[in-house]
C-alpha atoms as a PDB file:
ATOM      1  CA  MET A   1       0.004  -0.012   0.002  1.00  0.00           C
ATOM      2  CA  LEU A   2       1.203   3.490  -0.850  1.00  0.00           C
ATOM      3  CA  VAL A   3       0.269   6.639   1.016  1.00  0.00           C
ATOM      4  CA  ILE A   4      -0.887   9.722  -0.903  1.00  0.00           C
ATOM      5  CA  GLY A   5      -0.652  13.019   0.971  1.00  0.00           C
ATOM      6  CA  LEU A   6      -3.748  15.216   0.614  1.00  0.00           C
ATOM      7  CA  ARG A   7      -4.279  18.942   0.954  1.00  0.00           C
ATOM      8  CA  ARG A   8      -7.425  20.119   2.677  1.00  0.00           C
ATOM      9  CA  ASP A   9      -9.312  23.122   1.362  1.00  0.00           C
ATOM     10  CA  ASP A  10     -10.696  25.969   3.511  1.00  0.00           C
ATOM     11  CA  ASP A  11     -13.759  23.835   4.306  1.00  0.00           C
ATOM     12  CA  GLY A  12     -11.595  20.979   5.627  1.00  0.00           C
ATOM     13  CA  TYR A  13     -12.143  18.804   2.577  1.00  0.00           C
ATOM     14  CA  PRO A  14     -11.119  16.086   1.939  1.00  0.00           C
ATOM     15  CA  PRO A  15     -11.812  14.739   5.441  1.00  0.00           C
ATOM     16  CA  TRP A  16      -8.306  13.169   5.732  1.00  0.00           C
ATOM     17  CA  ASP A  17      -4.705  14.273   5.389  1.00  0.00           C
ATOM     18  CA  HIS A  18      -3.716  11.140   3.439  1.00  0.00           C
ATOM     19  CA  GLU A  19      -5.157   8.051   1.785  1.00  0.00           C
ATOM     20  CA  TYR A  20      -3.862   4.555   1.123  1.00  0.00           C
ATOM     21  CA  ILE A  21      -3.877   3.002  -2.332  1.00  0.00           C
ATOM     22  CA  PRO A  22      -2.891  -0.484  -3.459  1.00  0.00           C
ATOM     23  CA  ALA A  23       0.090  -0.653  -5.795  1.00  0.00           C
ATOM     24  CA  GLU A  24       2.605  -3.074  -7.191  1.00  0.00           C
ATOM     25  CA  GLU A  25       6.312  -2.433  -7.431  1.00  0.00           C
ATOM     26  CA  VAL A  26       7.563  -2.185 -11.040  1.00  0.00           C
ATOM     27  CA  GLY A  27      11.096  -0.888 -10.462  1.00  0.00           C
ATOM     28  CA  ASP A  28      13.392   0.813  -8.020  1.00  0.00           C
ATOM     29  CA  HIS A  29      10.934   2.936  -5.973  1.00  0.00           C
ATOM     30  CA  LEU A  30       8.478   2.826  -8.894  1.00  0.00           C
ATOM     31  CA  PHE A  31       4.946   1.572  -8.341  1.00  0.00           C
ATOM     32  CA  ARG A  32       1.860   1.029 -10.496  1.00  0.00           C
ATOM     33  CA  LEU A  33      -1.404   2.042  -8.883  1.00  0.00           C
ATOM     34  CA  LEU A  34      -3.928  -0.814  -8.734  1.00  0.00           C
ATOM     35  CA  ALA A  35      -6.992   1.368  -8.158  1.00  0.00           C
ATOM     36  CA  PRO A  36      -8.033   4.948  -8.704  1.00  0.00           C
ATOM     37  CA  PRO A  37      -7.401   7.189  -5.682  1.00  0.00           C
ATOM     38  CA  VAL A  38     -10.433   8.531  -3.864  1.00  0.00           C
ATOM     39  CA  PHE A  39      -9.064  12.036  -3.259  1.00  0.00           C
ATOM     40  CA  GLY A  40      -5.556  12.083  -4.762  1.00  0.00           C
ATOM     41  CA  ARG A  41      -5.610  14.555  -7.654  1.00  0.00           C
ATOM     42  CA  GLY A  42      -4.090  13.884 -11.028  1.00  0.00           C
ATOM     43  CA  LEU A  43      -3.743  10.118 -10.576  1.00  0.00           C
ATOM     44  CA  ALA A  44      -5.550   7.158 -12.116  1.00  0.00           C
ATOM     45  CA  ASN A  45      -5.566   3.374 -11.978  1.00  0.00           C
ATOM     46  CA  GLY A  46      -2.442   1.999 -13.641  1.00  0.00           C
ATOM     47  CA  ASP A  47      -0.390   5.196 -13.385  1.00  0.00           C
ATOM     48  CA  VAL A  48       3.253   4.759 -12.336  1.00  0.00           C
ATOM     49  CA  VAL A  49       4.518   6.853  -9.446  1.00  0.00           C
ATOM     50  CA  ARG A  50       7.765   7.167  -7.516  1.00  0.00           C
ATOM     51  CA  ALA A  51       7.452   6.495  -3.759  1.00  0.00           C
ATOM     52  CA  VAL A  52       9.828   7.068  -0.850  1.00  0.00           C
ATOM     53  CA  HIS A  53      10.051   5.628   2.632  1.00  0.00           C
ATOM     54  CA  TYR A  54       8.976   8.160   5.258  1.00  0.00           C
ATOM     55  CA  GLY A  55       7.565   8.483   8.764  1.00  0.00           C
ATOM     56  CA  GLU A  56       7.223   6.471  11.970  1.00  0.00           C
ATOM     57  CA  PRO A  57       6.162   3.800  11.432  1.00  0.00           C
ATOM     58  CA  GLU A  58       7.819   3.935   8.053  1.00  0.00           C
ATOM     59  CA  SER A  59       5.470   3.895   5.052  1.00  0.00           C
ATOM     60  CA  LEU A  60       5.849   4.334   1.307  1.00  0.00           C
ATOM     61  CA  TRP A  61       4.612   7.794   0.326  1.00  0.00           C
ATOM     62  CA  VAL A  62       3.919   8.876  -3.263  1.00  0.00           C
ATOM     63  CA  GLU A  63       6.569  11.432  -4.117  1.00  0.00           C
ATOM     64  CA  SER A  64       5.949  12.100  -7.796  1.00  0.00           C
ATOM     65  CA  PHE A  65       4.080  11.087 -10.904  1.00  0.00           C
ATOM     66  CA  VAL A  66       6.137   9.141 -13.456  1.00  0.00           C
ATOM     67  CA  ALA A  67       3.918   7.788 -16.261  1.00  0.00           C
ATOM     68  CA  ALA A  68       0.267   7.834 -17.288  1.00  0.00           C
ATOM     69  CA  SER A  69      -1.712   4.639 -17.879  1.00  0.00           C
ATOM     70  CA  GLY A  70      -4.311   6.127 -20.205  1.00  0.00           C
ATOM     71  CA  HIS A  71      -7.022   5.687 -17.533  1.00  0.00           C
ATOM     72  CA  SER A  72      -9.109   8.538 -16.169  1.00  0.00           C
ATOM     73  CA  THR A  73     -10.672   8.906 -12.708  1.00  0.00           C
ATOM     74  CA  ALA A  74     -14.121  10.221 -11.833  1.00  0.00           C
ATOM     75  CA  ARG A  75     -15.860  10.546  -8.481  1.00  0.00           C
ATOM     76  CA  VAL A  76     -19.584  10.375  -7.854  1.00  0.00           C
ATOM     77  CA  VAL A  77     -21.589  11.376  -4.779  1.00  0.00           C
ATOM     78  CA  LEU A  78     -25.184  10.236  -4.503  1.00  0.00           C
ATOM     79  CA  PHE A  79     -27.810  12.609  -3.164  1.00  0.00           C
ATOM     80  CA  ARG A  80     -29.839  11.108  -0.319  1.00  0.00           C
ATOM     81  CA  SER A  81     -33.043  12.753  -1.521  1.00  0.00           C
ATOM     82  CA  ALA A  82     -32.828  10.929  -4.879  1.00  0.00           C
ATOM     83  CA  ALA A  83     -33.618   7.316  -5.564  1.00  0.00           C
ATOM     84  CA  PRO A  84     -30.538   5.083  -5.080  1.00  0.00           C
ATOM     85  CA  THR A  85     -28.392   4.673  -8.185  1.00  0.00           C
ATOM     86  CA  PRO A  86     -26.223   1.509  -8.388  1.00  0.00           C
ATOM     87  CA  ILE A  87     -23.127   3.347  -9.626  1.00  0.00           C
ATOM     88  CA  PRO A  88     -20.900   0.257 -10.103  1.00  0.00           C
ATOM     89  CA  GLU A  89     -23.586  -1.448 -12.223  1.00  0.00           C
ATOM     90  CA  VAL A  90     -24.400   1.722 -14.184  1.00  0.00           C
ATOM     91  CA  VAL A  91     -20.812   2.518 -15.169  1.00  0.00           C
ATOM     92  CA  ALA A  92     -20.008  -1.132 -15.993  1.00  0.00           C
ATOM     93  CA  ARG A  93     -22.305  -0.754 -19.033  1.00  0.00           C
ATOM     94  CA  PHE A  94     -19.755   1.707 -20.414  1.00  0.00           C
ATOM     95  CA  GLY A  95     -16.671  -0.442 -19.747  1.00  0.00           C
ATOM     96  CA  CYS A  96     -15.769   1.295 -16.490  1.00  0.00           C
ATOM     97  CA  VAL A  97     -15.302   0.045 -12.946  1.00  0.00           C
ATOM     98  CA  GLY A  98     -17.144   1.762 -10.115  1.00  0.00           C
ATOM     99  CA  ALA A  99     -16.082   1.173  -6.521  1.00  0.00           C
ATOM    100  CA  THR A 100     -17.476   2.110  -3.154  1.00  0.00           C
ATOM    101  CA  THR A 101     -15.351   4.113  -0.752  1.00  0.00           C
ATOM    102  CA  SER A 102     -15.332   4.463   3.025  1.00  0.00           C
ATOM    103  CA  ILE A 103     -17.764   7.364   2.660  1.00  0.00           C
ATOM    104  CA  ASP A 104     -21.388   6.298   2.306  1.00  0.00           C
ATOM    105  CA  GLY A 105     -22.738   7.256  -1.133  1.00  0.00           C
ATOM    106  CA  PHE A 106     -19.311   8.220  -2.521  1.00  0.00           C
ATOM    107  CA  PHE A 107     -17.827   6.203  -5.420  1.00  0.00           C
ATOM    108  CA  THR A 108     -14.746   6.218  -7.636  1.00  0.00           C
ATOM    109  CA  ILE A 109     -14.910   5.339 -11.313  1.00  0.00           C
ATOM    110  CA  ASP A 110     -11.937   3.873 -13.199  1.00  0.00           C
ATOM    111  CA  ILE A 111     -12.324   4.840 -16.847  1.00  0.00           C
ATOM    112  CA  PRO A 112     -10.057   2.708 -19.070  1.00  0.00           C
ATOM    113  CA  PRO A 113      -8.736   3.914 -22.434  1.00  0.00           C
ATOM    114  CA  ASP A 114     -11.333   1.917 -24.401  1.00  0.00           C
ATOM    115  CA  ALA A 115     -14.401   2.953 -22.313  1.00  0.00           C
ATOM    116  CA  ASP A 116     -17.584   4.213 -23.999  1.00  0.00           C
ATOM    117  CA  LEU A 117     -16.964   7.864 -23.159  1.00  0.00           C
ATOM    118  CA  VAL A 118     -20.057   9.181 -24.936  1.00  0.00           C
ATOM    119  CA  GLY A 119     -22.308   6.802 -23.016  1.00  0.00           C
ATOM    120  CA  LEU A 120     -20.595   7.462 -19.692  1.00  0.00           C
ATOM    121  CA  ILE A 121     -20.599  11.256 -19.959  1.00  0.00           C
ATOM    122  CA  THR A 122     -24.234  11.186 -21.102  1.00  0.00           C
ATOM    123  CA  GLU A 123     -25.149   9.163 -17.986  1.00  0.00           C
ATOM    124  CA  LEU A 124     -23.109  11.376 -15.655  1.00  0.00           C
ATOM    125  CA  ARG A 125     -24.655  14.545 -17.031  1.00  0.00           C
ATOM    126  CA  ALA A 126     -28.159  13.031 -16.842  1.00  0.00           C
ATOM    127  CA  GLY A 127     -27.640  12.039 -13.207  1.00  0.00           C
ATOM    128  CA  ARG A 128     -26.444  15.551 -12.352  1.00  0.00           C
ATOM    129  CA  ALA A 129     -29.295  17.181 -14.272  1.00  0.00           C
ATOM    130  CA  ASP A 130     -32.039  15.139 -12.591  1.00  0.00           C
ATOM    131  CA  GLY A 131     -30.538  15.452  -9.133  1.00  0.00           C
ATOM    132  CA  ARG A 132     -29.588  11.803  -8.497  1.00  0.00           C
ATOM    133  CA  PHE A 133     -25.893  12.562  -7.989  1.00  0.00           C
ATOM    134  CA  ASP A 134     -23.044  14.885  -8.744  1.00  0.00           C
ATOM    135  CA  TYR A 135     -19.617  14.029 -10.124  1.00  0.00           C
ATOM    136  CA  ASN A 136     -16.180  15.410 -10.789  1.00  0.00           C
ATOM    137  CA  ILE A 137     -13.237  14.318 -12.850  1.00  0.00           C
ATOM    138  CA  GLY A 138     -10.084  13.726 -10.841  1.00  0.00           C
ATOM    139  CA  VAL A 139      -7.949  13.238 -13.962  1.00  0.00           C
ATOM    140  CA  ALA A 140      -8.758  12.990 -17.675  1.00  0.00           C
ATOM    141  CA  ALA A 141      -6.261  10.998 -19.718  1.00  0.00           C
ATOM    142  CA  ASP A 142      -5.120  11.986 -23.177  1.00  0.00           C
ATOM    143  CA  GLY A 143      -7.984  11.147 -25.505  1.00  0.00           C
ATOM    144  CA  HIS A 144     -10.553  11.533 -22.695  1.00  0.00           C
ATOM    145  CA  GLU A 145     -10.832  15.341 -22.941  1.00  0.00           C
ATOM    146  CA  MET A 146     -14.616  15.112 -23.511  1.00  0.00           C
ATOM    147  CA  LEU A 147     -14.952  14.132 -19.835  1.00  0.00           C
ATOM    148  CA  VAL A 148     -14.123  17.687 -18.825  1.00  0.00           C
ATOM    149  CA  SER A 149     -15.640  19.616 -21.680  1.00  0.00           C
ATOM    150  CA  ARG A 150     -19.064  21.056 -20.990  1.00  0.00           C
END
């Protein structure tokens, strides 16, 4: 597990100073992320990062980004007033992987290079428009620019 340091905004968000993410070593202090981060900005599943040993007890902390995987990361928060939306099942239709987080109603979406971007962005925009959920894009890979265009 790698540790990603987080910066809180003026409202105290995100609710933690760091998060843990599974990774596999691919070289000397180089690691491939095995999931999209929940709050870590600019990172996606499969990206390669450099990590260093730090702290007591010693942990591996992400120091820098090394190489992109071609995946993008999105985050979805469900609104309690809306009917439940099964995010993992919905995004699977578009070739993506949705995962729950430790925050109730908050999901990450791993968007691989070959995902159906038109279908996914249509669904995300529809969910926002009808008040079921909101979303943001943590990172848009090259070729996925339509995720952030309005």
